[in-house]
Amino acid sequence: MIAIHHTPNSFSVRWIAYCKEHNIPYKIVNAYDTDIVEQVSGCTAFMWHHHHANYKDVLFAKQLLYSLQETGKKVFPDFNTTWHFDDKVGQKYLLEAIEAPVVPSYVFYSKNDALDWIETTVFPKVFKLRGGAGSFNVRLVYSKSEARHLVNKAFRRGFLQNSGSVYIKEAYRNYCLRKGSFMNVLKGFIRLFVPTVYSRMHGREKGYVYFQDFVPNNLYDIRVIIIANKAFSIKRLCRKDDFRASGSGYIVYEKNEQDECCVQIAFEVNKRIHSQCIAYDFVYRNSEPLIVEISYGFSMYGYDKCPGYWTDDMQWHEEPFTPQDWMIEQIL
């Protein structure tokens, strides 16, 4: 029997539908209950689409999954899949350790070390917090003085995970593009004065600073998602007058717009990472694909228009598919 923690609009919606359609025994459990270990005791597997923006999930989801995995249960996501989720610093170490083709990044835990590095490097650089998705907490730093300001802030007051100024900019951008309502703009304005629950509970990010090389002249990125021995891909166009593609909402699905070189690299890297499900984001430096970030989680509906998928022998299969079904099939 598979235990599933159900959250509306998460992967669990399709996991439950798959179990019902194929007569697979399952039970709904509540990961937030103090007796969750007892709830899943009679099950052989546990599945939970935990989310980076839910402060409760961030507090204990990985620890719960790892603990249940140690008992011999199959879990999704497992350790290799999720330990580095929403942790750009962890991803830096992992991708460097396995010698993956990656955009160079730099992390410092000392203010003086960071300031010394600033004097020897070139700009622009990309500043990021270790957590956040959809290009939140990401900005381009053009000068040494701007970088020094960020370093001083990182080792003093720190940064809110969800900045109100970022919220209102994104809400206004979507409103201008007719992809969001004016009500969302008002909510964004409120965020300038009232932090999100996540920001209040999580606290400020400080005590480290993280930069990544800026790779210019990229009008899009390529996202390849690997699940088991299958892969699918999308091209994400950058925002207007912006270097960021993640979260832009401009997606190209056609196969001839994808890059099979990125698909091949993703398969090869995943053989070393051993992830059940992982998204690889690529940009190009002099036509060479480089990995920017990785993530086990992704929007459930954003990939429904993909026309097909590759298997790890690089054979293309042009047919509709449901990625969440593959997750269940792995567990089975």
Protein backbone atom coordinates (compact mmCIF):
# COMPACT_ATOMS: atom_id res chain seq x y z
CA MET A 1 0.00 0.00 0.00
CA ILE A 2 1.18 3.52 -0.83
CA ALA A 3 0.74 6.28 1.74
CA ILE A 4 0.17 9.67 0.09
CA HIS A 5 0.17 13.08 1.73
CA HIS A 6 -2.41 15.01 -0.27
CA THR A 7 -2.13 18.72 -1.04
CA PRO A 8 -4.52 20.39 -3.52
CA ASN A 9 -2.87 21.34 -6.84
CA SER A 10 0.22 19.24 -6.07
CA PHE A 11 1.52 16.01 -7.63
CA SER A 12 -0.69 14.08 -5.20
CA VAL A 13 -3.79 14.95 -7.25
CA ARG A 14 -2.50 12.82 -10.12
CA TRP A 15 -0.95 10.17 -7.88
CA ILE A 16 -4.36 9.51 -6.35
CA ALA A 17 -6.03 9.49 -9.77
CA TYR A 18 -3.47 6.95 -11.03
CA CYS A 19 -3.99 4.68 -8.03
CA LYS A 20 -7.76 4.78 -8.48
CA GLU A 21 -7.55 4.08 -12.22
CA HIS A 22 -5.17 1.13 -11.78
CA ASN A 23 -6.70 -0.27 -8.57
CA ILE A 24 -3.51 0.32 -6.58
CA PRO A 25 -4.05 0.25 -2.80
CA TYR A 26 -3.33 3.61 -1.22
CA LYS A 27 -4.25 5.65 1.84
CA ILE A 28 -4.27 9.38 2.51
CA VAL A 29 -2.08 10.39 5.44
CA ASN A 30 -1.22 13.73 7.02
CA ALA A 31 2.50 14.40 7.20
CA TYR A 32 1.89 17.25 9.66
CA ASP A 33 0.38 14.95 12.30
CA THR A 34 2.65 14.00 15.17
CA ASP A 35 1.83 10.30 14.62
CA ILE A 36 2.74 10.28 10.92
CA VAL A 37 5.25 7.47 11.41
CA GLU A 38 2.48 5.33 12.90
CA GLN A 39 0.11 6.31 10.08
CA VAL A 40 2.47 4.88 7.44
CA SER A 41 3.62 1.88 9.48
CA GLY A 42 1.53 -0.61 7.50
CA CYS A 43 2.49 0.84 4.11
CA THR A 44 5.37 -0.11 1.85
CA ALA A 45 5.79 3.39 0.37
CA PHE A 46 5.26 7.05 1.22
CA MET A 47 4.89 9.91 -1.28
CA TRP A 48 4.84 13.61 -0.50
CA HIS A 49 5.20 16.54 -2.92
CA HIS A 50 6.67 18.86 -0.33
CA HIS A 51 7.02 22.51 -1.35
CA HIS A 52 9.86 24.99 -0.90
CA ALA A 53 7.49 27.88 -0.14
CA ASN A 54 5.68 26.18 2.76
CA TYR A 55 7.65 26.91 5.93
CA LYS A 56 6.30 23.76 7.61
CA ASP A 57 7.56 21.59 4.75
CA VAL A 58 10.98 23.24 4.92
CA LEU A 59 11.17 22.50 8.64
CA PHE A 60 10.86 18.74 8.48
CA ALA A 61 9.91 17.19 5.12
CA LYS A 62 13.39 15.98 4.24
CA GLN A 63 14.00 14.61 7.72
CA LEU A 64 10.74 12.66 7.68
CA LEU A 65 11.39 11.23 4.23
CA TYR A 66 14.96 10.22 5.12
CA SER A 67 13.80 8.57 8.34
CA LEU A 68 11.14 6.49 6.60
CA GLN A 69 13.61 5.56 3.86
CA GLU A 70 15.94 4.17 6.54
CA THR A 71 13.20 1.74 7.62
CA GLY A 72 13.22 0.16 4.17
CA LYS A 73 10.14 1.92 2.85
CA LYS A 74 10.21 3.37 -0.63
CA VAL A 75 9.71 7.10 -0.51
CA PHE A 76 9.22 9.84 -3.05
CA PRO A 77 11.23 11.98 -3.16
CA ASP A 78 14.08 9.96 -1.70
CA PHE A 79 17.38 11.20 -0.28
CA ASN A 80 19.25 11.48 -3.58
CA THR A 81 16.32 13.36 -5.09
CA THR A 82 15.54 15.95 -2.45
CA TRP A 83 18.48 16.67 -0.12
CA HIS A 84 19.62 19.52 -2.43
CA PHE A 85 16.10 20.79 -3.21
CA ASP A 86 15.84 24.59 -3.04
CA ASP A 87 19.46 24.76 -1.85
CA LYS A 88 21.70 26.41 -4.45
CA VAL A 89 24.71 26.11 -2.17
CA GLY A 90 24.20 22.36 -1.82
CA GLN A 91 23.73 22.09 -5.58
CA LYS A 92 27.03 23.93 -6.15
CA TYR A 93 28.96 21.38 -4.10
CA LEU A 94 27.16 18.40 -5.64
CA LEU A 95 27.57 19.45 -9.27
CA GLU A 96 31.21 20.40 -8.75
CA ALA A 97 31.93 17.11 -6.99
CA ILE A 98 30.63 15.01 -9.88
CA GLU A 99 32.30 17.33 -12.43
CA ALA A 100 29.05 18.26 -14.16
CA PRO A 101 29.13 21.04 -16.78
CA VAL A 102 27.99 23.86 -14.53
CA VAL A 103 27.98 27.65 -14.46
CA PRO A 104 30.75 28.56 -11.95
CA SER A 105 29.48 29.81 -8.59
CA TYR A 106 31.09 31.19 -5.45
CA VAL A 107 29.97 31.02 -1.83
CA PHE A 108 31.54 32.73 1.17
CA TYR A 109 30.92 32.36 4.90
CA SER A 110 33.20 35.22 5.91
CA LYS A 111 32.60 38.88 5.12
CA ASN A 112 36.32 39.54 4.66
CA ASP A 113 36.73 36.59 2.29
CA ALA A 114 33.83 37.84 0.19
CA LEU A 115 35.16 41.39 0.07
CA ASP A 116 38.63 40.16 -0.93
CA TRP A 117 37.10 38.09 -3.75
CA ILE A 118 35.13 41.09 -5.03
CA GLU A 119 38.39 42.96 -5.61
CA THR A 120 39.75 40.18 -7.83
CA THR A 121 36.72 39.17 -9.89
CA VAL A 122 34.91 40.78 -12.81
CA PHE A 123 31.34 41.96 -13.08
CA PRO A 124 28.46 41.58 -13.70
CA LYS A 125 27.75 38.62 -11.46
CA VAL A 126 24.43 37.02 -10.49
CA PHE A 127 23.53 37.27 -6.80
CA LYS A 128 21.23 34.61 -5.36
CA LEU A 129 19.89 33.46 -2.04
CA ARG A 130 20.23 29.73 -1.53
CA GLY A 131 16.45 29.26 -1.74
CA GLY A 132 13.66 30.49 -3.98
CA ALA A 133 12.18 29.57 -7.36
CA GLY A 134 10.81 31.34 -10.41
CA SER A 135 13.76 33.79 -10.37
CA PHE A 136 12.80 35.12 -6.94
CA ASN A 137 15.84 36.15 -4.90
CA VAL A 138 17.93 36.50 -8.07
CA ARG A 139 19.46 39.75 -9.30
CA LEU A 140 22.23 40.96 -11.56
CA VAL A 141 25.08 42.79 -9.80
CA TYR A 142 26.87 45.23 -12.10
CA SER A 143 29.66 46.65 -9.94
CA LYS A 144 32.02 46.06 -7.02
CA SER A 145 30.24 48.70 -4.95
CA GLU A 146 26.88 47.00 -5.44
CA ALA A 147 28.42 43.64 -4.53
CA ARG A 148 30.01 45.10 -1.39
CA HIS A 149 26.61 46.47 -0.33
CA LEU A 150 25.08 42.98 -0.67
CA VAL A 151 27.95 41.39 1.27
CA ASN A 152 27.58 43.89 4.10
CA LYS A 153 23.85 43.21 4.26
CA ALA A 154 24.40 39.43 4.15
CA PHE A 155 26.60 39.59 7.24
CA ARG A 156 24.46 42.10 9.11
CA ARG A 157 20.67 42.23 8.88
CA GLY A 158 20.34 39.69 6.08
CA PHE A 159 17.63 39.23 3.47
CA LEU A 160 13.96 38.32 3.61
CA GLN A 161 13.30 35.13 1.65
CA ASN A 162 10.24 36.69 0.02
CA SER A 163 10.85 40.38 -0.58
CA GLY A 164 7.78 42.60 -0.88
CA SER A 165 9.43 44.68 -3.61
CA VAL A 166 9.96 41.55 -5.68
CA TYR A 167 6.31 40.54 -5.22
CA ILE A 168 4.94 43.86 -6.42
CA LYS A 169 7.29 43.99 -9.42
CA GLU A 170 6.25 40.49 -10.52
CA ALA A 171 2.55 41.21 -9.94
CA TYR A 172 2.75 44.45 -11.93
CA ARG A 173 4.66 42.74 -14.76
CA ASN A 174 2.03 40.00 -15.01
CA TYR A 175 -0.77 42.59 -14.91
CA CYS A 176 0.79 44.53 -17.80
CA LEU A 177 1.09 41.29 -19.76
CA ARG A 178 -2.55 40.47 -18.95
CA LYS A 179 -1.43 37.37 -17.09
CA GLY A 180 -2.51 38.58 -13.67
CA SER A 181 -5.19 40.68 -12.01
CA PHE A 182 -5.00 44.11 -10.47
CA MET A 183 -5.92 42.44 -7.19
CA ASN A 184 -2.56 40.65 -7.31
CA VAL A 185 -0.87 44.05 -7.71
CA LEU A 186 -2.65 45.24 -4.57
CA LYS A 187 -1.56 42.10 -2.74
CA GLY A 188 1.99 42.78 -3.88
CA PHE A 189 1.75 46.31 -2.49
CA ILE A 190 0.60 44.92 0.85
CA ARG A 191 3.66 42.64 0.88
CA LEU A 192 5.81 45.79 1.13
CA PHE A 193 4.49 46.22 4.68
CA VAL A 194 3.23 42.76 5.69
CA PRO A 195 5.70 39.89 5.08
CA THR A 196 4.46 36.48 4.00
CA VAL A 197 3.95 33.77 6.61
CA TYR A 198 7.02 32.03 5.18
CA SER A 199 9.18 35.13 5.63
CA ARG A 200 7.98 35.62 9.21
CA MET A 201 8.49 32.01 10.22
CA HIS A 202 11.64 31.25 8.25
CA GLY A 203 13.61 34.29 9.30
CA ARG A 204 16.24 36.18 7.35
CA GLU A 205 18.92 34.67 5.16
CA LYS A 206 22.32 35.75 6.46
CA GLY A 207 25.78 34.53 7.35
CA TYR A 208 26.73 33.63 3.79
CA VAL A 209 26.77 35.16 0.33
CA TYR A 210 26.39 33.38 -3.01
CA PHE A 211 27.29 34.62 -6.48
CA GLN A 212 27.24 32.93 -9.88
CA ASP A 213 28.94 33.88 -13.13
CA PHE A 214 26.69 35.81 -15.47
CA VAL A 215 26.45 34.10 -18.84
CA PRO A 216 25.38 36.79 -21.34
CA ASN A 217 23.48 36.63 -24.61
CA ASN A 218 21.01 33.95 -23.53
CA LEU A 219 17.49 34.75 -24.71
CA TYR A 220 16.13 31.55 -23.16
CA ASP A 221 17.06 28.55 -21.08
CA ILE A 222 16.38 24.87 -21.64
CA ARG A 223 14.79 22.84 -18.84
CA VAL A 224 15.13 19.07 -19.06
CA ILE A 225 13.27 16.91 -16.53
CA ILE A 226 14.42 13.34 -15.93
CA ILE A 227 12.10 10.82 -14.29
CA ALA A 228 13.48 7.27 -14.16
CA ASN A 229 14.69 6.53 -17.71
CA LYS A 230 12.57 9.18 -19.44
CA ALA A 231 13.12 12.87 -20.19
CA PHE A 232 11.06 15.78 -21.46
CA SER A 233 12.07 19.32 -22.21
CA ILE A 234 10.82 22.90 -22.58
CA LYS A 235 12.41 26.13 -23.76
CA ARG A 236 11.71 29.08 -21.45
CA LEU A 237 12.08 32.52 -22.99
CA CYS A 238 13.51 35.36 -20.93
CA ARG A 239 11.39 38.20 -19.67
CA LYS A 240 11.48 41.38 -21.74
CA ASP A 241 14.66 43.36 -20.99
CA ASP A 242 15.71 40.76 -18.42
CA PHE A 243 18.23 37.93 -18.24
CA ARG A 244 15.94 35.61 -16.27
CA ALA A 245 13.87 32.89 -17.93
CA SER A 246 12.60 30.98 -14.90
CA GLY A 247 9.10 32.09 -14.00
CA SER A 248 8.66 34.18 -17.14
CA GLY A 249 5.68 32.11 -18.33
CA TYR A 250 6.91 32.21 -21.94
CA ILE A 251 7.29 28.54 -22.84
CA VAL A 252 8.06 26.83 -26.17
CA TYR A 253 7.13 23.15 -26.34
CA GLU A 254 7.88 22.04 -29.91
CA LYS A 255 10.47 19.29 -30.19
CA ASN A 256 12.49 21.09 -32.85
CA GLU A 257 13.01 23.97 -30.40
CA GLN A 258 14.61 21.70 -27.78
CA ASP A 259 18.29 20.75 -27.58
CA GLU A 260 19.00 17.02 -27.50
CA CYS A 261 22.52 17.78 -26.31
CA CYS A 262 20.99 19.08 -23.07
CA VAL A 263 18.83 15.97 -22.82
CA GLN A 264 21.90 13.75 -23.23
CA ILE A 265 23.84 15.68 -20.59
CA ALA A 266 20.90 15.48 -18.19
CA PHE A 267 20.72 11.71 -18.56
CA GLU A 268 24.49 11.38 -18.00
CA VAL A 269 24.54 13.65 -14.94
CA ASN A 270 21.54 11.91 -13.43
CA LYS A 271 23.35 8.57 -13.61
CA ARG A 272 25.77 10.08 -11.09
CA ILE A 273 23.17 11.87 -8.96
CA HIS A 274 20.74 8.90 -8.88
CA SER A 275 17.67 11.12 -8.60
CA GLN A 276 14.16 9.73 -9.06
CA CYS A 277 13.01 13.02 -10.58
CA ILE A 278 15.08 16.09 -11.36
CA ALA A 279 14.88 19.22 -13.50
CA TYR A 280 18.10 20.54 -15.04
CA ASP A 281 18.17 24.17 -16.19
CA PHE A 282 20.69 24.96 -18.96
CA VAL A 283 22.10 28.16 -20.43
CA TYR A 284 24.82 28.47 -23.06
CA ARG A 285 28.36 29.81 -22.94
CA ASN A 286 29.83 29.91 -26.46
CA SER A 287 27.28 27.26 -27.55
CA GLU A 288 28.25 24.97 -24.64
CA PRO A 289 25.29 23.95 -22.42
CA LEU A 290 25.94 24.60 -18.73
CA ILE A 291 23.71 23.69 -15.79
CA VAL A 292 22.49 26.65 -13.73
CA GLU A 293 20.32 24.91 -11.13
CA ILE A 294 18.51 21.66 -10.40
CA SER A 295 15.19 20.94 -8.69
CA TYR A 296 13.01 17.90 -8.02
CA GLY A 297 9.85 20.05 -7.94
CA PHE A 298 8.14 21.71 -10.88
CA SER A 299 4.77 23.11 -11.88
CA MET A 300 2.32 20.26 -12.38
CA TYR A 301 0.44 21.86 -15.26
CA GLY A 302 3.29 23.63 -17.05
CA TYR A 303 4.39 20.54 -18.97
CA ASP A 304 1.07 19.12 -20.15
CA LYS A 305 1.66 20.55 -23.64
CA CYS A 306 4.93 18.67 -24.17
CA PRO A 307 4.44 16.64 -27.39
CA GLY A 308 6.52 13.66 -26.27
CA TYR A 309 9.56 12.41 -24.42
CA TRP A 310 12.94 10.71 -24.81
CA THR A 311 14.06 7.43 -23.27
CA ASP A 312 17.65 7.11 -22.08
CA ASP A 313 18.66 5.52 -25.38
CA MET A 314 17.78 8.94 -26.87
CA GLN A 315 14.79 7.56 -28.75
CA TRP A 316 11.96 10.06 -29.17
CA HIS A 317 8.39 9.00 -28.34
CA GLU A 318 5.77 11.41 -29.66
CA GLU A 319 2.79 10.71 -27.47
CA PRO A 320 0.98 12.32 -24.53
CA PHE A 321 2.23 11.44 -21.05
CA THR A 322 1.71 12.28 -17.41
CA PRO A 323 4.97 12.74 -15.48
CA GLN A 324 3.33 12.03 -12.12
CA ASP A 325 2.32 8.57 -13.39
CA TRP A 326 6.01 7.77 -13.92
CA MET A 327 6.68 8.71 -10.29
CA ILE A 328 4.14 6.16 -9.08
CA GLU A 329 5.49 3.53 -11.48
CA GLN A 330 8.99 4.01 -10.03
CA ILE A 331 7.67 3.32 -6.55
CA LEU A 332 5.80 0.24 -7.74
